[in-house]
Amino acid sequence: MDLITDLPPITLPNGTVVDAVLSMVDHGLTKGVVLTPCTKTLTEEGAAEILLNHVYKRFGLPDTIISDRDPRFTAKSFQELLKLLGVTSKLTTAYHPQSDGTTERFNQEIEAYIGIYCSSNPEIWHKSVGTMEFTHNNRRHSDRQ
């Protein structure tokens, strides 16, 4: 996403004055371009609303956001987008079981599955990841009744 700025200011029918365009390109299959009028003083919250109203509905959540804006602006915009979608982001440090013990515990189990499988099938373990996932998801776990 990038801003095209210093355009002649115009007033939209809703009274908003715009002087820039937020240009966004889908780097996926469509290579589609989304152009949205905005102001050159676009905030993180404003960028998030544009992402929600003009990108998310067409392409879903982006896997990556590439921008030459300040990285904090991009990160904050994505956090705001998650907030608008009702997604709670809980960031933690790596290997911190106090924050996400379930994932850490499940990873131990999955590492055991993969280790056992790799000892017999070291060249083709990747072909059975889907089966391992299915097996794990369909067995009873202590934290799921």
N, C-alpha and C. Protein backbone atom coordinates (compact mmCIF):
# COMPACT_ATOMS: atom_id res chain seq x y z
N MET A 1 0.85 -1.17 0.00
CA MET A 1 0.00 0.00 0.00
C MET A 1 0.89 1.22 0.00
N ASP A 2 0.43 2.25 -0.67
CA ASP A 2 1.21 3.47 -0.78
C ASP A 2 0.26 4.65 -0.94
N LEU A 3 0.70 5.80 -0.51
CA LEU A 3 -0.09 7.02 -0.66
C LEU A 3 0.39 7.82 -1.85
N ILE A 4 -0.55 8.23 -2.67
CA ILE A 4 -0.28 9.18 -3.75
C ILE A 4 -0.81 10.51 -3.22
N THR A 5 0.10 11.44 -2.97
CA THR A 5 -0.29 12.65 -2.25
C THR A 5 -0.20 13.91 -3.11
N ASP A 6 -0.56 15.01 -2.47
CA ASP A 6 -0.52 16.35 -3.05
C ASP A 6 -1.39 16.49 -4.29
N LEU A 7 -2.52 15.81 -4.24
CA LEU A 7 -3.52 15.97 -5.31
C LEU A 7 -4.36 17.20 -4.98
N PRO A 8 -5.02 17.77 -5.98
CA PRO A 8 -5.88 18.93 -5.68
C PRO A 8 -6.96 18.54 -4.68
N PRO A 9 -7.10 19.27 -3.60
CA PRO A 9 -8.12 18.93 -2.61
C PRO A 9 -9.52 19.06 -3.21
N ILE A 10 -10.35 18.07 -2.89
CA ILE A 10 -11.75 18.13 -3.31
C ILE A 10 -12.61 17.75 -2.12
N THR A 11 -13.84 18.21 -2.12
CA THR A 11 -14.78 17.88 -1.06
C THR A 11 -15.75 16.84 -1.59
N LEU A 12 -15.80 15.71 -0.90
CA LEU A 12 -16.72 14.63 -1.28
C LEU A 12 -18.13 15.00 -0.86
N PRO A 13 -19.15 14.33 -1.41
CA PRO A 13 -20.54 14.64 -1.04
C PRO A 13 -20.82 14.57 0.46
N ASN A 14 -20.05 13.74 1.19
CA ASN A 14 -20.28 13.64 2.63
C ASN A 14 -19.56 14.73 3.41
N GLY A 15 -18.89 15.66 2.71
CA GLY A 15 -18.20 16.78 3.34
C GLY A 15 -16.73 16.54 3.64
N THR A 16 -16.25 15.33 3.42
CA THR A 16 -14.85 15.02 3.67
C THR A 16 -13.98 15.62 2.57
N VAL A 17 -12.91 16.25 2.96
CA VAL A 17 -11.95 16.80 1.99
C VAL A 17 -10.84 15.76 1.80
N VAL A 18 -10.57 15.42 0.54
CA VAL A 18 -9.51 14.46 0.23
C VAL A 18 -8.47 15.12 -0.67
N ASP A 19 -7.20 14.70 -0.46
CA ASP A 19 -6.12 15.25 -1.28
C ASP A 19 -5.07 14.18 -1.60
N ALA A 20 -5.47 12.90 -1.44
CA ALA A 20 -4.55 11.80 -1.69
C ALA A 20 -5.35 10.55 -2.08
N VAL A 21 -4.63 9.55 -2.53
CA VAL A 21 -5.23 8.25 -2.84
C VAL A 21 -4.37 7.19 -2.18
N LEU A 22 -5.02 6.29 -1.44
CA LEU A 22 -4.32 5.13 -0.91
C LEU A 22 -4.40 4.05 -1.99
N SER A 23 -3.24 3.67 -2.49
CA SER A 23 -3.14 2.68 -3.56
C SER A 23 -2.72 1.35 -2.95
N MET A 24 -3.51 0.32 -3.20
CA MET A 24 -3.21 -1.01 -2.68
C MET A 24 -3.26 -2.01 -3.82
N VAL A 25 -2.30 -2.92 -3.85
CA VAL A 25 -2.19 -3.92 -4.92
C VAL A 25 -2.24 -5.30 -4.29
N ASP A 26 -3.08 -6.18 -4.84
CA ASP A 26 -3.11 -7.57 -4.43
C ASP A 26 -1.97 -8.28 -5.14
N HIS A 27 -1.01 -8.76 -4.39
CA HIS A 27 0.13 -9.47 -4.98
C HIS A 27 -0.19 -10.93 -5.22
N GLY A 28 -1.43 -11.33 -4.98
CA GLY A 28 -1.86 -12.71 -5.21
C GLY A 28 -2.23 -12.93 -6.66
N LEU A 29 -3.19 -13.79 -6.88
CA LEU A 29 -3.56 -14.17 -8.24
C LEU A 29 -4.17 -13.05 -9.05
N THR A 30 -4.95 -12.17 -8.40
CA THR A 30 -5.69 -11.19 -9.17
C THR A 30 -4.84 -10.03 -9.66
N LYS A 31 -3.81 -9.67 -8.91
CA LYS A 31 -3.01 -8.47 -9.18
C LYS A 31 -3.90 -7.24 -9.24
N GLY A 32 -5.06 -7.34 -8.57
CA GLY A 32 -6.01 -6.23 -8.56
C GLY A 32 -5.47 -5.03 -7.82
N VAL A 33 -5.92 -3.86 -8.24
CA VAL A 33 -5.54 -2.60 -7.62
C VAL A 33 -6.78 -2.02 -6.95
N VAL A 34 -6.62 -1.52 -5.74
CA VAL A 34 -7.69 -0.84 -5.04
C VAL A 34 -7.21 0.58 -4.78
N LEU A 35 -7.94 1.56 -5.28
CA LEU A 35 -7.60 2.97 -5.12
C LEU A 35 -8.69 3.64 -4.30
N THR A 36 -8.30 4.27 -3.20
CA THR A 36 -9.29 4.87 -2.32
C THR A 36 -8.89 6.30 -1.99
N PRO A 37 -9.74 7.28 -2.30
CA PRO A 37 -9.45 8.66 -1.93
C PRO A 37 -9.35 8.80 -0.41
N CYS A 38 -8.40 9.62 0.02
CA CYS A 38 -8.18 9.85 1.46
C CYS A 38 -7.42 11.16 1.62
N THR A 39 -6.92 11.41 2.80
CA THR A 39 -6.09 12.59 3.03
C THR A 39 -4.64 12.16 3.20
N LYS A 40 -3.71 13.07 2.90
CA LYS A 40 -2.30 12.72 3.05
C LYS A 40 -1.91 12.61 4.52
N THR A 41 -2.80 13.03 5.42
CA THR A 41 -2.57 12.88 6.85
C THR A 41 -3.33 11.66 7.39
N LEU A 42 -3.49 10.65 6.57
CA LEU A 42 -4.21 9.44 6.92
C LEU A 42 -3.64 8.84 8.21
N THR A 43 -4.54 8.52 9.14
CA THR A 43 -4.13 7.92 10.41
C THR A 43 -4.13 6.40 10.28
N GLU A 44 -3.57 5.73 11.29
CA GLU A 44 -3.59 4.27 11.32
C GLU A 44 -5.03 3.77 11.35
N GLU A 45 -5.87 4.44 12.11
CA GLU A 45 -7.28 4.05 12.20
C GLU A 45 -7.97 4.21 10.85
N GLY A 46 -7.66 5.30 10.15
CA GLY A 46 -8.23 5.52 8.82
C GLY A 46 -7.77 4.48 7.83
N ALA A 47 -6.50 4.14 7.88
CA ALA A 47 -5.97 3.10 6.99
C ALA A 47 -6.64 1.76 7.27
N ALA A 48 -6.87 1.46 8.55
CA ALA A 48 -7.53 0.22 8.92
C ALA A 48 -8.95 0.17 8.37
N GLU A 49 -9.66 1.29 8.45
CA GLU A 49 -11.02 1.32 7.90
C GLU A 49 -11.02 1.13 6.39
N ILE A 50 -10.04 1.72 5.72
CA ILE A 50 -9.93 1.52 4.27
C ILE A 50 -9.61 0.07 3.96
N LEU A 51 -8.67 -0.53 4.72
CA LEU A 51 -8.35 -1.95 4.51
C LEU A 51 -9.60 -2.81 4.70
N LEU A 52 -10.37 -2.53 5.74
CA LEU A 52 -11.58 -3.31 6.01
C LEU A 52 -12.62 -3.13 4.91
N ASN A 53 -12.90 -1.89 4.55
CA ASN A 53 -13.99 -1.60 3.62
C ASN A 53 -13.66 -1.81 2.15
N HIS A 54 -12.38 -1.81 1.81
CA HIS A 54 -12.03 -1.87 0.39
C HIS A 54 -11.12 -3.04 0.01
N VAL A 55 -10.39 -3.61 0.97
CA VAL A 55 -9.47 -4.71 0.65
C VAL A 55 -9.99 -6.02 1.22
N TYR A 56 -10.32 -6.03 2.51
CA TYR A 56 -10.75 -7.26 3.18
C TYR A 56 -11.94 -7.90 2.46
N LYS A 57 -12.91 -7.09 2.07
CA LYS A 57 -14.12 -7.67 1.45
C LYS A 57 -13.83 -8.29 0.08
N ARG A 58 -12.74 -7.88 -0.56
CA ARG A 58 -12.38 -8.44 -1.87
C ARG A 58 -11.41 -9.61 -1.78
N PHE A 59 -10.41 -9.47 -0.89
CA PHE A 59 -9.31 -10.42 -0.88
C PHE A 59 -9.12 -11.15 0.44
N GLY A 60 -9.86 -10.76 1.49
CA GLY A 60 -9.65 -11.35 2.80
C GLY A 60 -8.49 -10.68 3.51
N LEU A 61 -8.08 -11.27 4.64
CA LEU A 61 -6.96 -10.71 5.39
C LEU A 61 -5.68 -10.84 4.60
N PRO A 62 -4.90 -9.78 4.56
CA PRO A 62 -3.62 -9.88 3.84
C PRO A 62 -2.64 -10.77 4.59
N ASP A 63 -1.84 -11.53 3.83
CA ASP A 63 -0.76 -12.31 4.42
C ASP A 63 0.40 -11.40 4.76
N THR A 64 0.59 -10.38 3.95
CA THR A 64 1.71 -9.46 4.09
C THR A 64 1.23 -8.07 3.71
N ILE A 65 1.74 -7.07 4.40
CA ILE A 65 1.50 -5.69 4.00
C ILE A 65 2.86 -5.10 3.67
N ILE A 66 3.02 -4.65 2.45
CA ILE A 66 4.26 -4.00 2.01
C ILE A 66 3.96 -2.52 1.90
N SER A 67 4.76 -1.73 2.59
CA SER A 67 4.52 -0.29 2.58
C SER A 67 5.82 0.43 2.84
N ASP A 68 5.98 1.59 2.20
CA ASP A 68 7.17 2.41 2.48
C ASP A 68 6.89 3.43 3.57
N ARG A 69 5.72 3.33 4.18
CA ARG A 69 5.44 4.17 5.34
C ARG A 69 6.21 3.65 6.53
N ASP A 70 6.23 4.38 7.61
CA ASP A 70 6.88 3.96 8.85
C ASP A 70 6.35 2.57 9.25
N PRO A 71 7.23 1.61 9.60
CA PRO A 71 6.77 0.28 9.99
C PRO A 71 5.79 0.30 11.16
N ARG A 72 5.92 1.27 12.05
CA ARG A 72 4.97 1.38 13.16
C ARG A 72 3.58 1.74 12.64
N PHE A 73 3.53 2.59 11.60
CA PHE A 73 2.24 2.95 11.01
C PHE A 73 1.56 1.71 10.43
N THR A 74 2.33 0.91 9.70
CA THR A 74 1.78 -0.29 9.08
C THR A 74 1.33 -1.28 10.14
N ALA A 75 2.15 -1.51 11.15
CA ALA A 75 1.80 -2.45 12.22
C ALA A 75 0.56 -1.97 12.96
N LYS A 76 0.50 -0.69 13.27
CA LYS A 76 -0.66 -0.14 13.99
C LYS A 76 -1.92 -0.22 13.12
N SER A 77 -1.78 0.01 11.81
CA SER A 77 -2.93 -0.11 10.90
C SER A 77 -3.48 -1.53 10.92
N PHE A 78 -2.57 -2.51 10.88
CA PHE A 78 -3.02 -3.90 10.89
C PHE A 78 -3.66 -4.24 12.24
N GLN A 79 -3.10 -3.74 13.34
CA GLN A 79 -3.72 -3.96 14.65
C GLN A 79 -5.12 -3.36 14.69
N GLU A 80 -5.26 -2.17 14.11
CA GLU A 80 -6.58 -1.52 14.07
C GLU A 80 -7.55 -2.32 13.21
N LEU A 81 -7.07 -2.90 12.10
CA LEU A 81 -7.92 -3.74 11.26
C LEU A 81 -8.41 -4.94 12.06
N LEU A 82 -7.51 -5.59 12.79
CA LEU A 82 -7.93 -6.72 13.62
C LEU A 82 -8.97 -6.29 14.65
N LYS A 83 -8.77 -5.11 15.23
CA LYS A 83 -9.74 -4.60 16.21
C LYS A 83 -11.11 -4.40 15.56
N LEU A 84 -11.13 -3.84 14.34
CA LEU A 84 -12.40 -3.64 13.64
C LEU A 84 -13.10 -4.96 13.33
N LEU A 85 -12.30 -6.01 13.12
CA LEU A 85 -12.86 -7.33 12.83
C LEU A 85 -13.22 -8.09 14.10
N GLY A 86 -12.92 -7.51 15.26
CA GLY A 86 -13.22 -8.18 16.52
C GLY A 86 -12.20 -9.24 16.90
N VAL A 87 -11.02 -9.17 16.30
CA VAL A 87 -9.96 -10.12 16.61
C VAL A 87 -9.09 -9.51 17.70
N THR A 88 -8.90 -10.26 18.79
CA THR A 88 -8.04 -9.79 19.86
C THR A 88 -6.64 -10.31 19.62
N SER A 89 -5.69 -9.43 19.56
CA SER A 89 -4.30 -9.80 19.34
C SER A 89 -3.60 -9.82 20.68
N LYS A 90 -3.05 -10.98 21.03
CA LYS A 90 -2.31 -11.12 22.28
C LYS A 90 -0.89 -11.54 21.93
N LEU A 91 0.01 -10.58 21.89
CA LEU A 91 1.38 -10.86 21.53
C LEU A 91 2.15 -11.28 22.77
N THR A 92 3.10 -12.17 22.57
CA THR A 92 3.92 -12.67 23.66
C THR A 92 5.32 -12.91 23.14
N THR A 93 6.21 -13.25 24.01
CA THR A 93 7.57 -13.58 23.59
C THR A 93 7.64 -15.06 23.25
N ALA A 94 8.64 -15.45 22.49
CA ALA A 94 8.82 -16.85 22.11
C ALA A 94 9.09 -17.70 23.35
N TYR A 95 8.63 -18.95 23.29
CA TYR A 95 8.86 -19.92 24.37
C TYR A 95 8.41 -19.38 25.72
N HIS A 96 7.20 -18.87 25.75
CA HIS A 96 6.66 -18.29 26.97
C HIS A 96 5.37 -19.04 27.32
N PRO A 97 5.50 -20.26 27.92
CA PRO A 97 4.32 -21.08 28.16
C PRO A 97 3.30 -20.44 29.09
N GLN A 98 3.72 -19.47 29.90
CA GLN A 98 2.76 -18.82 30.78
C GLN A 98 1.70 -18.07 29.98
N SER A 99 2.05 -17.60 28.78
CA SER A 99 1.11 -16.85 27.96
C SER A 99 0.27 -17.76 27.07
N ASP A 100 0.89 -18.81 26.54
CA ASP A 100 0.19 -19.68 25.60
C ASP A 100 0.60 -21.13 25.83
N GLY A 101 0.28 -21.62 27.00
CA GLY A 101 0.66 -22.98 27.37
C GLY A 101 0.03 -24.04 26.49
N THR A 102 -1.19 -23.79 26.00
CA THR A 102 -1.86 -24.79 25.16
C THR A 102 -1.06 -25.03 23.89
N THR A 103 -0.65 -23.96 23.22
CA THR A 103 0.13 -24.12 21.99
C THR A 103 1.45 -24.81 22.28
N GLU A 104 2.11 -24.39 23.37
CA GLU A 104 3.39 -25.01 23.72
C GLU A 104 3.21 -26.51 24.00
N ARG A 105 2.15 -26.87 24.71
CA ARG A 105 1.88 -28.28 25.03
C ARG A 105 1.57 -29.06 23.76
N PHE A 106 0.71 -28.52 22.92
CA PHE A 106 0.37 -29.22 21.68
C PHE A 106 1.59 -29.36 20.79
N ASN A 107 2.44 -28.34 20.75
CA ASN A 107 3.66 -28.44 19.95
C ASN A 107 4.54 -29.59 20.42
N GLN A 108 4.59 -29.82 21.74
CA GLN A 108 5.36 -30.96 22.25
C GLN A 108 4.79 -32.27 21.71
N GLU A 109 3.47 -32.40 21.72
CA GLU A 109 2.84 -33.62 21.20
C GLU A 109 3.10 -33.78 19.70
N ILE A 110 2.96 -32.69 18.96
CA ILE A 110 3.15 -32.75 17.52
C ILE A 110 4.60 -33.05 17.18
N GLU A 111 5.53 -32.46 17.92
CA GLU A 111 6.94 -32.78 17.71
C GLU A 111 7.20 -34.26 17.95
N ALA A 112 6.50 -34.85 18.93
CA ALA A 112 6.64 -36.30 19.18
C ALA A 112 6.12 -37.10 17.99
N TYR A 113 4.93 -36.73 17.46
CA TYR A 113 4.39 -37.42 16.28
C TYR A 113 5.40 -37.37 15.14
N ILE A 114 5.87 -36.15 14.86
CA ILE A 114 6.77 -35.95 13.73
C ILE A 114 8.07 -36.72 13.94
N GLY A 115 8.59 -36.69 15.18
CA GLY A 115 9.82 -37.41 15.47
C GLY A 115 9.68 -38.91 15.23
N ILE A 116 8.58 -39.48 15.71
CA ILE A 116 8.33 -40.91 15.51
C ILE A 116 8.22 -41.23 14.02
N TYR A 117 7.46 -40.42 13.30
CA TYR A 117 7.27 -40.66 11.87
C TYR A 117 8.57 -40.48 11.11
N CYS A 118 9.34 -39.45 11.45
CA CYS A 118 10.60 -39.18 10.74
C CYS A 118 11.62 -40.29 10.93
N SER A 119 11.57 -40.96 12.10
CA SER A 119 12.55 -42.02 12.32
C SER A 119 12.36 -43.17 11.33
N SER A 120 11.12 -43.40 10.87
CA SER A 120 10.85 -44.47 9.90
C SER A 120 10.76 -43.96 8.46
N ASN A 121 10.40 -42.70 8.29
CA ASN A 121 10.14 -42.16 6.95
C ASN A 121 10.77 -40.78 6.78
N PRO A 122 12.08 -40.65 6.88
CA PRO A 122 12.71 -39.32 6.88
C PRO A 122 12.55 -38.55 5.57
N GLU A 123 12.31 -39.24 4.46
CA GLU A 123 12.22 -38.53 3.17
C GLU A 123 10.80 -38.06 2.83
N ILE A 124 9.80 -38.62 3.50
CA ILE A 124 8.42 -38.30 3.09
C ILE A 124 7.53 -37.83 4.24
N TRP A 125 8.13 -37.38 5.34
CA TRP A 125 7.34 -36.96 6.49
C TRP A 125 6.35 -35.87 6.13
N HIS A 126 6.74 -34.98 5.21
CA HIS A 126 5.87 -33.84 4.87
C HIS A 126 4.55 -34.28 4.26
N LYS A 127 4.52 -35.47 3.67
CA LYS A 127 3.28 -35.96 3.05
C LYS A 127 2.25 -36.39 4.09
N SER A 128 2.68 -36.59 5.32
CA SER A 128 1.76 -37.06 6.36
C SER A 128 1.38 -35.99 7.36
N VAL A 129 1.80 -34.75 7.14
CA VAL A 129 1.46 -33.68 8.08
C VAL A 129 -0.06 -33.52 8.19
N GLY A 130 -0.78 -33.60 7.07
CA GLY A 130 -2.24 -33.50 7.11
C GLY A 130 -2.87 -34.60 7.94
N THR A 131 -2.35 -35.82 7.82
CA THR A 131 -2.87 -36.94 8.61
C THR A 131 -2.56 -36.73 10.09
N MET A 132 -1.36 -36.23 10.40
CA MET A 132 -1.01 -35.94 11.79
C MET A 132 -1.95 -34.88 12.36
N GLU A 133 -2.23 -33.86 11.57
CA GLU A 133 -3.14 -32.80 12.01
C GLU A 133 -4.52 -33.36 12.27
N PHE A 134 -5.02 -34.18 11.34
CA PHE A 134 -6.35 -34.79 11.50
C PHE A 134 -6.40 -35.65 12.76
N THR A 135 -5.37 -36.48 12.94
CA THR A 135 -5.32 -37.37 14.10
C THR A 135 -5.32 -36.55 15.40
N HIS A 136 -4.50 -35.52 15.45
CA HIS A 136 -4.44 -34.68 16.64
C HIS A 136 -5.78 -34.00 16.92
N ASN A 137 -6.39 -33.46 15.88
CA ASN A 137 -7.64 -32.71 16.06
C ASN A 137 -8.84 -33.60 16.38
N ASN A 138 -8.73 -34.89 16.15
CA ASN A 138 -9.86 -35.77 16.38
C ASN A 138 -9.69 -36.70 17.58
N ARG A 139 -8.73 -36.41 18.41
CA ARG A 139 -8.62 -37.18 19.65
C ARG A 139 -9.02 -36.28 20.82
N ARG A 140 -9.42 -36.92 21.90
CA ARG A 140 -9.85 -36.18 23.09
C ARG A 140 -8.62 -35.58 23.78
N HIS A 141 -8.73 -34.32 24.15
CA HIS A 141 -7.65 -33.62 24.85
C HIS A 141 -8.14 -33.27 26.25
N SER A 142 -7.21 -33.14 27.16
CA SER A 142 -7.57 -32.86 28.55
C SER A 142 -8.25 -31.50 28.71
N ASP A 143 -7.93 -30.52 27.85
CA ASP A 143 -8.54 -29.18 28.00
C ASP A 143 -9.78 -29.01 27.13
N ARG A 144 -10.22 -30.09 26.48
CA ARG A 144 -11.42 -30.02 25.62
C ARG A 144 -12.30 -31.21 25.98
N GLN A 145 -13.46 -30.96 26.48
CA GLN A 145 -14.36 -32.06 26.89
C GLN A 145 -15.30 -32.46 25.81
